[in-house]
Amino acid sequence: MAIAWRPFVDLVGEHQSFVLTTHQRPDCDALGSELAMAAALESLGKTVRVVNADAVPPHIAFMDRHNKIEVLGEHVLPTALLANDVDVMMVLDTSAWQQVGPMGDVLRESTAKKVVIDHHVGGDDMDAVVFKDDSAEANGRLVLEAIEALGVSLNEEMATMLFAAIATDTGWFRFNSVGSITYAAVEKLVAAGASPAGIFSLLYEQNSLARVLLHGCILQDIRIEPGGRVAHAAATLDDFASTGSEPSDSEDVVNRLLTIAGVEVAALFVALENKLTKVSLRSRNDADVRAVAEVFGGGGHRAAAGLRVAESVEKTRELVVAELCNKIG
């Protein structure tokens, strides 16, 4: 559903200072949305800070090449952030309290105007002005629309951030969510200076040895459920310790499970700590993995969803795989 951006333009015009944030363990869509929006607002003379609950994952550190992003509790304390005269708190790429982590407390306590730009189905009442299109393939594309509505000319930095956002959230343009509007958007980004080859290299050809070794551990753990439609694997705390890697190094492996012939649904279970597991779900047919995620308090899209469970990897895997097989087969 197309977003009417006039209220957003008016809101930006009426305020001077902005704090931007996104979900925990941010990916390229989240970071690209934040950084491109920050650059656009700054070009209009606005004062902008980008503050997240978590640091930028090392494997996509290139996204924040100017070290714009501050980490709550590390670079800035919640009390200091609340003490500042902030006009607008803007949340990008999520509208769920559970997803923003400690930044949720700041958002709740702040008297600033709240704004959400998101492309996920569902969400919470953040007492915000919401600009949402859950049919959009990436939040970066919505931010592109917002920047155009503001009358800001794209520069190379904005274009690079938004290209990375859209490319990664569409599996490098291979997911069913991609359409003519996607290619029209990236055409503008390339014209503004985004380099697809350069961005691909930064994303997929600069892996650390630890990251590659972790992927090997995960791929060795693949299990296929009877019928061959569901594949799943896990990354454990022992895997991270033995390879010298970290949870963010497991990103995108779930999509590799979908390359197995006959597999239509994939799940990746990642241990974040002893009693917390992150689960990524993907589908390449009509199977609705969001419905499975929602059973456990998660969410996302029909073909790409996620959740966190306060349980061990083994127990979480047992529960989620059973639900997948029950709902999908």
C-alpha atoms as a PDB file:
ATOM      1  CA  MET A   1       0.000   0.000   0.000  1.00  0.00           C
ATOM      2  CA  ALA A   2       1.480   3.317  -1.098  1.00  0.00           C
ATOM      3  CA  ILE A   3       2.385   5.693   1.702  1.00  0.00           C
ATOM      4  CA  ALA A   4       1.191   9.304   1.708  1.00  0.00           C
ATOM      5  CA  TRP A   5       4.395  11.131   2.663  1.00  0.00           C
ATOM      6  CA  ARG A   6       2.963  14.657   3.024  1.00  0.00           C
ATOM      7  CA  PRO A   7       2.480  14.333   6.807  1.00  0.00           C
ATOM      8  CA  PHE A   8       6.081  13.132   7.111  1.00  0.00           C
ATOM      9  CA  VAL A   9       7.365  16.104   5.121  1.00  0.00           C
ATOM     10  CA  ASP A  10       5.364  18.466   7.313  1.00  0.00           C
ATOM     11  CA  LEU A  11       6.624  16.822  10.489  1.00  0.00           C
ATOM     12  CA  VAL A  12      10.258  17.140   9.376  1.00  0.00           C
ATOM     13  CA  GLY A  13       9.708  20.751   8.434  1.00  0.00           C
ATOM     14  CA  GLU A  14       8.275  21.558  11.857  1.00  0.00           C
ATOM     15  CA  HIS A  15      11.117  20.068  13.924  1.00  0.00           C
ATOM     16  CA  GLN A  16      14.857  20.559  14.235  1.00  0.00           C
ATOM     17  CA  SER A  17      16.449  17.755  16.283  1.00  0.00           C
ATOM     18  CA  PHE A  18      16.113  14.033  15.590  1.00  0.00           C
ATOM     19  CA  VAL A  19      17.267  10.761  17.152  1.00  0.00           C
ATOM     20  CA  LEU A  20      17.099   7.729  14.845  1.00  0.00           C
ATOM     21  CA  THR A  21      17.112   4.108  16.014  1.00  0.00           C
ATOM     22  CA  THR A  22      16.305   0.601  14.814  1.00  0.00           C
ATOM     23  CA  HIS A  23      16.062  -2.998  15.981  1.00  0.00           C
ATOM     24  CA  GLN A  24      18.678  -4.916  17.935  1.00  0.00           C
ATOM     25  CA  ARG A  25      21.433  -6.692  15.984  1.00  0.00           C
ATOM     26  CA  PRO A  26      20.852  -4.404  13.000  1.00  0.00           C
ATOM     27  CA  ASP A  27      21.209  -5.682   9.458  1.00  0.00           C
ATOM     28  CA  CYS A  28      21.941  -3.733   6.286  1.00  0.00           C
ATOM     29  CA  ASP A  29      18.310  -2.747   5.775  1.00  0.00           C
ATOM     30  CA  ALA A  30      18.146  -1.271   9.271  1.00  0.00           C
ATOM     31  CA  LEU A  31      21.520   0.468   9.086  1.00  0.00           C
ATOM     32  CA  GLY A  32      21.037   1.674   5.535  1.00  0.00           C
ATOM     33  CA  SER A  33      17.634   3.102   6.429  1.00  0.00           C
ATOM     34  CA  GLU A  34      19.047   4.960   9.440  1.00  0.00           C
ATOM     35  CA  LEU A  35      22.167   6.318   7.817  1.00  0.00           C
ATOM     36  CA  ALA A  36      20.508   7.416   4.586  1.00  0.00           C
ATOM     37  CA  MET A  37      17.735   9.131   6.528  1.00  0.00           C
ATOM     38  CA  ALA A  38      20.299  10.803   8.808  1.00  0.00           C
ATOM     39  CA  ALA A  39      22.222  12.130   5.800  1.00  0.00           C
ATOM     40  CA  ALA A  40      19.031  13.428   4.208  1.00  0.00           C
ATOM     41  CA  LEU A  41      17.912  15.203   7.379  1.00  0.00           C
ATOM     42  CA  GLU A  42      21.353  16.715   7.882  1.00  0.00           C
ATOM     43  CA  SER A  43      21.285  18.049   4.326  1.00  0.00           C
ATOM     44  CA  LEU A  44      18.190  19.984   5.384  1.00  0.00           C
ATOM     45  CA  GLY A  45      20.076  21.521   8.289  1.00  0.00           C
ATOM     46  CA  LYS A  46      18.624  19.240  10.959  1.00  0.00           C
ATOM     47  CA  THR A  47      20.502  18.021  14.023  1.00  0.00           C
ATOM     48  CA  VAL A  48      20.622  14.213  13.924  1.00  0.00           C
ATOM     49  CA  ARG A  49      21.932  11.426  16.154  1.00  0.00           C
ATOM     50  CA  VAL A  50      21.749   7.719  15.382  1.00  0.00           C
ATOM     51  CA  VAL A  51      21.597   5.650  18.567  1.00  0.00           C
ATOM     52  CA  ASN A  52      21.106   1.874  18.614  1.00  0.00           C
ATOM     53  CA  ALA A  53      20.896  -0.769  21.308  1.00  0.00           C
ATOM     54  CA  ASP A  54      23.651  -2.799  19.603  1.00  0.00           C
ATOM     55  CA  ALA A  55      26.853  -2.012  17.744  1.00  0.00           C
ATOM     56  CA  VAL A  56      27.208  -2.479  14.005  1.00  0.00           C
ATOM     57  CA  PRO A  57      28.100  -6.149  13.308  1.00  0.00           C
ATOM     58  CA  PRO A  58      31.767  -6.416  12.241  1.00  0.00           C
ATOM     59  CA  HIS A  59      31.010  -8.090   8.906  1.00  0.00           C
ATOM     60  CA  ILE A  60      29.014  -5.053   7.736  1.00  0.00           C
ATOM     61  CA  ALA A  61      31.138  -2.383   9.429  1.00  0.00           C
ATOM     62  CA  PHE A  62      31.531  -0.668   6.041  1.00  0.00           C
ATOM     63  CA  MET A  63      27.963   0.562   6.407  1.00  0.00           C
ATOM     64  CA  ASP A  64      29.033   3.010   9.112  1.00  0.00           C
ATOM     65  CA  ARG A  65      32.291   4.185   7.610  1.00  0.00           C
ATOM     66  CA  HIS A  66      31.999   7.596   9.282  1.00  0.00           C
ATOM     67  CA  ASN A  67      31.279   6.129  12.748  1.00  0.00           C
ATOM     68  CA  LYS A  68      27.952   7.911  12.913  1.00  0.00           C
ATOM     69  CA  ILE A  69      26.177   5.286  15.005  1.00  0.00           C
ATOM     70  CA  GLU A  70      26.279   5.537  18.791  1.00  0.00           C
ATOM     71  CA  VAL A  71      25.559   2.567  21.056  1.00  0.00           C
ATOM     72  CA  LEU A  72      23.256   3.072  24.014  1.00  0.00           C
ATOM     73  CA  GLY A  73      25.114   2.519  27.286  1.00  0.00           C
ATOM     74  CA  GLU A  74      28.504   2.682  25.552  1.00  0.00           C
ATOM     75  CA  HIS A  75      28.648   6.053  23.809  1.00  0.00           C
ATOM     76  CA  VAL A  76      25.607   7.656  25.396  1.00  0.00           C
ATOM     77  CA  LEU A  77      23.628   6.947  28.563  1.00  0.00           C
ATOM     78  CA  PRO A  78      19.807   6.810  28.505  1.00  0.00           C
ATOM     79  CA  THR A  79      19.648   9.674  31.012  1.00  0.00           C
ATOM     80  CA  ALA A  80      21.844  11.872  28.834  1.00  0.00           C
ATOM     81  CA  LEU A  81      19.789  11.051  25.758  1.00  0.00           C
ATOM     82  CA  LEU A  82      16.561  11.927  27.558  1.00  0.00           C
ATOM     83  CA  ALA A  83      18.074  15.120  28.970  1.00  0.00           C
ATOM     84  CA  ASN A  84      18.814  16.451  25.500  1.00  0.00           C
ATOM     85  CA  ASP A  85      16.262  18.600  23.751  1.00  0.00           C
ATOM     86  CA  VAL A  86      15.135  16.093  21.121  1.00  0.00           C
ATOM     87  CA  ASP A  87      12.144  16.966  18.972  1.00  0.00           C
ATOM     88  CA  VAL A  88      11.624  13.643  17.188  1.00  0.00           C
ATOM     89  CA  MET A  89      12.501  10.015  17.927  1.00  0.00           C
ATOM     90  CA  MET A  90      12.367   8.015  14.690  1.00  0.00           C
ATOM     91  CA  VAL A  91      12.268   4.200  14.597  1.00  0.00           C
ATOM     92  CA  LEU A  92      13.181   2.516  11.310  1.00  0.00           C
ATOM     93  CA  ASP A  93      12.714  -1.076  10.098  1.00  0.00           C
ATOM     94  CA  THR A  94      10.629  -2.193  13.078  1.00  0.00           C
ATOM     95  CA  SER A  95       7.562  -1.190  15.043  1.00  0.00           C
ATOM     96  CA  ALA A  96       7.883  -3.789  17.812  1.00  0.00           C
ATOM     97  CA  TRP A  97       8.942  -2.959  21.365  1.00  0.00           C
ATOM     98  CA  GLN A  98      10.619  -6.350  21.702  1.00  0.00           C
ATOM     99  CA  GLN A  99      12.886  -5.585  18.763  1.00  0.00           C
ATOM    100  CA  VAL A 100      14.335  -2.254  19.921  1.00  0.00           C
ATOM    101  CA  GLY A 101      15.698  -3.617  23.202  1.00  0.00           C
ATOM    102  CA  PRO A 102      16.943  -1.024  25.735  1.00  0.00           C
ATOM    103  CA  MET A 103      16.088   1.790  23.340  1.00  0.00           C
ATOM    104  CA  GLY A 104      12.471   0.950  24.137  1.00  0.00           C
ATOM    105  CA  ASP A 105      12.826   2.458  27.607  1.00  0.00           C
ATOM    106  CA  VAL A 106      14.202   5.659  26.100  1.00  0.00           C
ATOM    107  CA  LEU A 107      11.352   5.822  23.610  1.00  0.00           C
ATOM    108  CA  ARG A 108       8.736   5.262  26.297  1.00  0.00           C
ATOM    109  CA  GLU A 109      10.146   7.930  28.598  1.00  0.00           C
ATOM    110  CA  SER A 110      10.913  10.529  25.974  1.00  0.00           C
ATOM    111  CA  THR A 111       8.427  13.354  25.436  1.00  0.00           C
ATOM    112  CA  ALA A 112       9.648  13.755  21.850  1.00  0.00           C
ATOM    113  CA  LYS A 113       7.364  13.131  18.884  1.00  0.00           C
ATOM    114  CA  LYS A 114       7.590   9.480  17.797  1.00  0.00           C
ATOM    115  CA  VAL A 115       7.784   8.410  14.153  1.00  0.00           C
ATOM    116  CA  VAL A 116       7.948   4.897  12.680  1.00  0.00           C
ATOM    117  CA  ILE A 117       8.935   3.927   9.131  1.00  0.00           C
ATOM    118  CA  ASP A 118       8.558   0.182   8.708  1.00  0.00           C
ATOM    119  CA  HIS A 119       7.742  -2.573   6.232  1.00  0.00           C
ATOM    120  CA  HIS A 120       6.950  -5.448   8.596  1.00  0.00           C
ATOM    121  CA  VAL A 121       3.536  -6.952   9.205  1.00  0.00           C
ATOM    122  CA  GLY A 122       2.205  -6.284  12.674  1.00  0.00           C
ATOM    123  CA  GLY A 123       3.889  -4.299  15.404  1.00  0.00           C
ATOM    124  CA  ASP A 124       3.047  -2.432  18.577  1.00  0.00           C
ATOM    125  CA  ASP A 125       1.427   0.845  19.429  1.00  0.00           C
ATOM    126  CA  MET A 126       4.493   2.982  19.970  1.00  0.00           C
ATOM    127  CA  ASP A 127       2.389   6.107  20.337  1.00  0.00           C
ATOM    128  CA  ALA A 128       3.933   7.123  17.045  1.00  0.00           C
ATOM    129  CA  VAL A 129       3.020   8.562  13.689  1.00  0.00           C
ATOM    130  CA  VAL A 130       3.414   5.448  11.549  1.00  0.00           C
ATOM    131  CA  PHE A 131       4.445   5.265   7.907  1.00  0.00           C
ATOM    132  CA  LYS A 132       4.185   1.604   6.977  1.00  0.00           C
ATOM    133  CA  ASP A 133       3.897  -0.503   3.839  1.00  0.00           C
ATOM    134  CA  ASP A 134       4.080  -4.206   4.697  1.00  0.00           C
ATOM    135  CA  SER A 135       4.150  -5.109   1.025  1.00  0.00           C
ATOM    136  CA  ALA A 136       7.478  -3.315   0.544  1.00  0.00           C
ATOM    137  CA  GLU A 137      10.433  -5.586  -0.149  1.00  0.00           C
ATOM    138  CA  ALA A 138      12.805  -3.533   2.032  1.00  0.00           C
ATOM    139  CA  ASN A 139      12.605  -0.644   4.435  1.00  0.00           C
ATOM    140  CA  GLY A 140      15.331   1.029   2.425  1.00  0.00           C
ATOM    141  CA  ARG A 141      12.953   1.480  -0.466  1.00  0.00           C
ATOM    142  CA  LEU A 142      10.483   3.286   1.807  1.00  0.00           C
ATOM    143  CA  VAL A 143      13.264   5.548   3.067  1.00  0.00           C
ATOM    144  CA  LEU A 144      14.135   6.321  -0.551  1.00  0.00           C
ATOM    145  CA  GLU A 145      10.529   7.410  -1.075  1.00  0.00           C
ATOM    146  CA  ALA A 146      10.658   9.527   2.071  1.00  0.00           C
ATOM    147  CA  ILE A 147      13.891  11.229   0.974  1.00  0.00           C
ATOM    148  CA  GLU A 148      12.417  11.983  -2.437  1.00  0.00           C
ATOM    149  CA  ALA A 149       9.304  13.397  -0.775  1.00  0.00           C
ATOM    150  CA  LEU A 150      11.547  15.700   1.271  1.00  0.00           C
ATOM    151  CA  GLY A 151      13.010  17.020  -1.963  1.00  0.00           C
ATOM    152  CA  VAL A 152      16.532  15.913  -1.049  1.00  0.00           C
ATOM    153  CA  SER A 153      18.872  14.994  -3.891  1.00  0.00           C
ATOM    154  CA  LEU A 154      20.533  11.618  -3.462  1.00  0.00           C
ATOM    155  CA  ASN A 155      24.292  11.575  -3.070  1.00  0.00           C
ATOM    156  CA  GLU A 156      26.656   8.617  -3.368  1.00  0.00           C
ATOM    157  CA  GLU A 157      26.600   7.891   0.367  1.00  0.00           C
ATOM    158  CA  MET A 158      22.794   7.764   0.594  1.00  0.00           C
ATOM    159  CA  ALA A 159      22.589   5.724  -2.594  1.00  0.00           C
ATOM    160  CA  THR A 160      25.151   3.182  -1.342  1.00  0.00           C
ATOM    161  CA  MET A 161      23.371   2.752   1.990  1.00  0.00           C
ATOM    162  CA  LEU A 162      19.979   2.269   0.364  1.00  0.00           C
ATOM    163  CA  PHE A 163      21.265  -0.080  -2.346  1.00  0.00           C
ATOM    164  CA  ALA A 164      22.827  -2.301   0.330  1.00  0.00           C
ATOM    165  CA  ALA A 165      19.564  -2.183   2.284  1.00  0.00           C
ATOM    166  CA  ILE A 166      17.405  -3.235  -0.638  1.00  0.00           C
ATOM    167  CA  ALA A 167      19.858  -5.760  -2.097  1.00  0.00           C
ATOM    168  CA  THR A 168      20.290  -7.666   1.165  1.00  0.00           C
ATOM    169  CA  ASP A 169      16.622  -7.710   2.137  1.00  0.00           C
ATOM    170  CA  THR A 170      15.739  -9.140  -1.262  1.00  0.00           C
ATOM    171  CA  GLY A 171      18.485 -11.779  -1.331  1.00  0.00           C
ATOM    172  CA  TRP A 172      20.235  -9.783  -4.033  1.00  0.00           C
ATOM    173  CA  PHE A 173      16.964  -9.353  -5.935  1.00  0.00           C
ATOM    174  CA  ARG A 174      15.998 -13.020  -6.061  1.00  0.00           C
ATOM    175  CA  PHE A 175      13.063 -13.097  -3.605  1.00  0.00           C
ATOM    176  CA  ASN A 176       9.436 -13.039  -4.711  1.00  0.00           C
ATOM    177  CA  SER A 177       9.015  -9.629  -3.082  1.00  0.00           C
ATOM    178  CA  VAL A 178      11.027  -8.063  -5.897  1.00  0.00           C
ATOM    179  CA  GLY A 179       9.074  -6.292  -8.618  1.00  0.00           C
ATOM    180  CA  SER A 180       9.363  -3.510 -11.145  1.00  0.00           C
ATOM    181  CA  ILE A 181       9.196  -0.904  -8.373  1.00  0.00           C
ATOM    182  CA  THR A 182      12.335  -2.467  -6.862  1.00  0.00           C
ATOM    183  CA  TYR A 183      14.307  -2.152 -10.068  1.00  0.00           C
ATOM    184  CA  ALA A 184      13.047   1.376 -10.623  1.00  0.00           C
ATOM    185  CA  ALA A 185      14.332   2.264  -7.153  1.00  0.00           C
ATOM    186  CA  VAL A 186      17.775   0.714  -7.600  1.00  0.00           C
ATOM    187  CA  GLU A 187      18.102   2.369 -11.011  1.00  0.00           C
ATOM    188  CA  LYS A 188      17.891   5.727  -9.214  1.00  0.00           C
ATOM    189  CA  LEU A 189      20.448   4.574  -6.655  1.00  0.00           C
ATOM    190  CA  VAL A 190      22.938   3.441  -9.281  1.00  0.00           C
ATOM    191  CA  ALA A 191      22.463   6.714 -11.148  1.00  0.00           C
ATOM    192  CA  ALA A 192      23.259   8.531  -7.883  1.00  0.00           C
ATOM    193  CA  GLY A 193      26.536   6.649  -7.444  1.00  0.00           C
ATOM    194  CA  ALA A 194      25.825   3.271  -5.859  1.00  0.00           C
ATOM    195  CA  SER A 195      28.193   0.585  -7.188  1.00  0.00           C
ATOM    196  CA  PRO A 196      26.502  -2.847  -7.256  1.00  0.00           C
ATOM    197  CA  ALA A 197      29.802  -4.665  -7.836  1.00  0.00           C
ATOM    198  CA  GLY A 198      31.553  -2.757  -5.085  1.00  0.00           C
ATOM    199  CA  ILE A 199      28.721  -3.279  -2.605  1.00  0.00           C
ATOM    200  CA  PHE A 200      28.526  -6.994  -3.426  1.00  0.00           C
ATOM    201  CA  SER A 201      32.250  -7.323  -2.797  1.00  0.00           C
ATOM    202  CA  LEU A 202      31.988  -5.573   0.582  1.00  0.00           C
ATOM    203  CA  LEU A 203      29.054  -7.752   1.583  1.00  0.00           C
ATOM    204  CA  TYR A 204      30.106 -11.175   0.356  1.00  0.00           C
ATOM    205  CA  GLU A 205      33.797 -11.173  -0.549  1.00  0.00           C
ATOM    206  CA  GLN A 206      35.382  -9.828   2.645  1.00  0.00           C
ATOM    207  CA  ASN A 207      34.624 -12.680   5.047  1.00  0.00           C
ATOM    208  CA  SER A 208      36.864 -13.322   8.004  1.00  0.00           C
ATOM    209  CA  LEU A 209      38.280 -16.835   8.375  1.00  0.00           C
ATOM    210  CA  ALA A 210      36.237 -17.199  11.570  1.00  0.00           C
ATOM    211  CA  ARG A 211      33.025 -16.423   9.673  1.00  0.00           C
ATOM    212  CA  VAL A 212      33.780 -18.994   6.964  1.00  0.00           C
ATOM    213  CA  LEU A 213      34.653 -21.645   9.547  1.00  0.00           C
ATOM    214  CA  LEU A 214      31.381 -20.964  11.379  1.00  0.00           C
ATOM    215  CA  HIS A 215      29.440 -21.422   8.160  1.00  0.00           C
ATOM    216  CA  GLY A 216      31.141 -24.784   7.775  1.00  0.00           C
ATOM    217  CA  CYS A 217      30.003 -25.826  11.260  1.00  0.00           C
ATOM    218  CA  ILE A 218      26.438 -24.779  10.529  1.00  0.00           C
ATOM    219  CA  LEU A 219      26.283 -26.523   7.158  1.00  0.00           C
ATOM    220  CA  GLN A 220      27.589 -29.740   8.697  1.00  0.00           C
ATOM    221  CA  ASP A 221      24.664 -29.620  11.114  1.00  0.00           C
ATOM    222  CA  ILE A 222      21.917 -29.509   8.475  1.00  0.00           C
ATOM    223  CA  ARG A 223      18.965 -31.823   9.086  1.00  0.00           C
ATOM    224  CA  ILE A 224      16.198 -32.510   6.608  1.00  0.00           C
ATOM    225  CA  GLU A 225      12.789 -33.459   7.942  1.00  0.00           C
ATOM    226  CA  PRO A 226      10.866 -36.432   6.455  1.00  0.00           C
ATOM    227  CA  GLY A 227       9.351 -35.381   3.143  1.00  0.00           C
ATOM    228  CA  GLY A 228      12.340 -33.203   2.329  1.00  0.00           C
ATOM    229  CA  ARG A 229      10.519 -29.858   2.518  1.00  0.00           C
ATOM    230  CA  VAL A 230      12.007 -28.514   5.765  1.00  0.00           C
ATOM    231  CA  ALA A 231      15.731 -28.011   6.412  1.00  0.00           C
ATOM    232  CA  HIS A 232      17.235 -26.653   9.608  1.00  0.00           C
ATOM    233  CA  ALA A 233      20.619 -26.115  11.225  1.00  0.00           C
ATOM    234  CA  ALA A 234      22.080 -24.456  14.308  1.00  0.00           C
ATOM    235  CA  ALA A 235      24.985 -22.356  15.482  1.00  0.00           C
ATOM    236  CA  THR A 236      25.871 -23.132  19.092  1.00  0.00           C
ATOM    237  CA  LEU A 237      27.984 -21.369  21.690  1.00  0.00           C
ATOM    238  CA  ASP A 238      30.589 -24.108  21.201  1.00  0.00           C
ATOM    239  CA  ASP A 239      30.659 -23.312  17.461  1.00  0.00           C
ATOM    240  CA  PHE A 240      31.398 -19.657  18.182  1.00  0.00           C
ATOM    241  CA  ALA A 241      34.104 -20.567  20.677  1.00  0.00           C
ATOM    242  CA  SER A 242      35.830 -23.112  18.428  1.00  0.00           C
ATOM    243  CA  THR A 243      35.874 -20.853  15.363  1.00  0.00           C
ATOM    244  CA  GLY A 244      36.456 -17.510  17.066  1.00  0.00           C
ATOM    245  CA  SER A 245      33.277 -16.170  15.485  1.00  0.00           C
ATOM    246  CA  GLU A 246      30.203 -14.444  16.893  1.00  0.00           C
ATOM    247  CA  PRO A 247      26.435 -14.662  16.324  1.00  0.00           C
ATOM    248  CA  SER A 248      26.387 -11.946  13.659  1.00  0.00           C
ATOM    249  CA  ASP A 249      28.673 -14.153  11.532  1.00  0.00           C
ATOM    250  CA  SER A 250      25.751 -16.540  11.024  1.00  0.00           C
ATOM    251  CA  GLU A 251      23.784 -13.988   8.988  1.00  0.00           C
ATOM    252  CA  ASP A 252      22.504 -15.187   5.596  1.00  0.00           C
ATOM    253  CA  VAL A 253      23.335 -18.878   6.154  1.00  0.00           C
ATOM    254  CA  VAL A 254      19.626 -19.634   6.415  1.00  0.00           C
ATOM    255  CA  ASN A 255      19.251 -18.692   2.747  1.00  0.00           C
ATOM    256  CA  ARG A 256      21.831 -21.308   1.797  1.00  0.00           C
ATOM    257  CA  LEU A 257      19.592 -24.000   3.259  1.00  0.00           C
ATOM    258  CA  LEU A 258      16.985 -23.061   0.661  1.00  0.00           C
ATOM    259  CA  THR A 259      19.423 -23.972  -2.126  1.00  0.00           C
ATOM    260  CA  ILE A 260      18.974 -27.666  -1.301  1.00  0.00           C
ATOM    261  CA  ALA A 261      16.818 -29.347  -3.946  1.00  0.00           C
ATOM    262  CA  GLY A 262      13.300 -29.991  -2.672  1.00  0.00           C
ATOM    263  CA  VAL A 263      13.621 -27.777   0.402  1.00  0.00           C
ATOM    264  CA  GLU A 264      10.886 -25.155   0.614  1.00  0.00           C
ATOM    265  CA  VAL A 265      11.284 -23.922   4.198  1.00  0.00           C
ATOM    266  CA  ALA A 266      14.495 -23.297   6.134  1.00  0.00           C
ATOM    267  CA  ALA A 267      15.222 -22.500   9.767  1.00  0.00           C
ATOM    268  CA  LEU A 268      18.454 -21.405  11.418  1.00  0.00           C
ATOM    269  CA  PHE A 269      18.851 -21.499  15.204  1.00  0.00           C
ATOM    270  CA  VAL A 270      21.535 -19.274  16.719  1.00  0.00           C
ATOM    271  CA  ALA A 271      22.568 -19.341  20.374  1.00  0.00           C
ATOM    272  CA  LEU A 272      22.879 -15.811  21.732  1.00  0.00           C
ATOM    273  CA  GLU A 273      23.496 -16.941  25.285  1.00  0.00           C
ATOM    274  CA  ASN A 274      22.705 -19.993  27.435  1.00  0.00           C
ATOM    275  CA  LYS A 275      18.978 -19.386  27.555  1.00  0.00           C
ATOM    276  CA  LEU A 276      18.269 -17.221  24.516  1.00  0.00           C
ATOM    277  CA  THR A 277      18.012 -18.404  20.932  1.00  0.00           C
ATOM    278  CA  LYS A 278      17.490 -16.399  17.760  1.00  0.00           C
ATOM    279  CA  VAL A 279      15.571 -18.137  14.969  1.00  0.00           C
ATOM    280  CA  SER A 280      15.511 -17.117  11.301  1.00  0.00           C
ATOM    281  CA  LEU A 281      12.843 -18.626   9.046  1.00  0.00           C
ATOM    282  CA  ARG A 282      12.718 -18.517   5.254  1.00  0.00           C
ATOM    283  CA  SER A 283      10.343 -19.842   2.618  1.00  0.00           C
ATOM    284  CA  ARG A 284      10.558 -20.023  -1.152  1.00  0.00           C
ATOM    285  CA  ASN A 285       6.975 -21.025  -1.875  1.00  0.00           C
ATOM    286  CA  ASP A 286       3.541 -20.187  -0.459  1.00  0.00           C
ATOM    287  CA  ALA A 287       4.422 -21.464   3.020  1.00  0.00           C
ATOM    288  CA  ASP A 288       3.768 -18.746   5.599  1.00  0.00           C
ATOM    289  CA  VAL A 289       6.710 -18.779   8.020  1.00  0.00           C
ATOM    290  CA  ARG A 290       5.433 -15.610   9.673  1.00  0.00           C
ATOM    291  CA  ALA A 291       2.520 -17.637  11.064  1.00  0.00           C
ATOM    292  CA  VAL A 292       5.018 -19.983  12.707  1.00  0.00           C
ATOM    293  CA  ALA A 293       7.091 -17.104  14.097  1.00  0.00           C
ATOM    294  CA  GLU A 294       3.992 -15.508  15.591  1.00  0.00           C
ATOM    295  CA  VAL A 295       3.272 -18.655  17.620  1.00  0.00           C
ATOM    296  CA  PHE A 296       6.452 -17.876  19.565  1.00  0.00           C
ATOM    297  CA  GLY A 297       6.012 -14.109  19.753  1.00  0.00           C
ATOM    298  CA  GLY A 298       8.006 -13.302  16.623  1.00  0.00           C
ATOM    299  CA  GLY A 299       6.986 -11.828  13.303  1.00  0.00           C
ATOM    300  CA  GLY A 300       8.150 -10.628   9.923  1.00  0.00           C
ATOM    301  CA  HIS A 301       6.960 -11.472   6.435  1.00  0.00           C
ATOM    302  CA  ARG A 302       5.297 -14.472   4.832  1.00  0.00           C
ATOM    303  CA  ALA A 303       8.570 -15.625   3.248  1.00  0.00           C
ATOM    304  CA  ALA A 304      11.017 -14.273   5.844  1.00  0.00           C
ATOM    305  CA  ALA A 305      10.396 -14.126   9.562  1.00  0.00           C
ATOM    306  CA  GLY A 306      12.214 -14.332  12.860  1.00  0.00           C
ATOM    307  CA  LEU A 307      11.795 -14.832  16.572  1.00  0.00           C
ATOM    308  CA  ARG A 308      13.669 -15.175  19.832  1.00  0.00           C
ATOM    309  CA  VAL A 309      12.983 -17.788  22.457  1.00  0.00           C
ATOM    310  CA  ALA A 310      14.233 -17.736  26.045  1.00  0.00           C
ATOM    311  CA  GLU A 311      15.347 -21.329  25.803  1.00  0.00           C
ATOM    312  CA  SER A 312      18.373 -23.380  24.728  1.00  0.00           C
ATOM    313  CA  VAL A 313      19.132 -23.958  21.052  1.00  0.00           C
ATOM    314  CA  GLU A 314      18.243 -27.647  21.359  1.00  0.00           C
ATOM    315  CA  LYS A 315      14.857 -27.078  22.985  1.00  0.00           C
ATOM    316  CA  THR A 316      14.004 -24.158  20.702  1.00  0.00           C
ATOM    317  CA  ARG A 317      14.889 -26.247  17.668  1.00  0.00           C
ATOM    318  CA  GLU A 318      12.645 -29.058  18.851  1.00  0.00           C
ATOM    319  CA  LEU A 319       9.683 -26.744  19.437  1.00  0.00           C
ATOM    320  CA  VAL A 320       9.972 -24.638  16.279  1.00  0.00           C
ATOM    321  CA  VAL A 321      10.666 -27.539  13.916  1.00  0.00           C
ATOM    322  CA  ALA A 322       7.634 -29.362  15.294  1.00  0.00           C
ATOM    323  CA  GLU A 323       5.511 -26.279  14.609  1.00  0.00           C
ATOM    324  CA  LEU A 324       6.959 -25.926  11.122  1.00  0.00           C
ATOM    325  CA  CYS A 325       6.167 -29.538  10.296  1.00  0.00           C
ATOM    326  CA  ASN A 326       2.691 -29.190  11.772  1.00  0.00           C
ATOM    327  CA  LYS A 327       1.833 -26.079   9.785  1.00  0.00           C
ATOM    328  CA  ILE A 328       3.870 -26.620   6.638  1.00  0.00           C
ATOM    329  CA  GLY A 329       4.737 -30.280   6.407  1.00  0.00           C
END
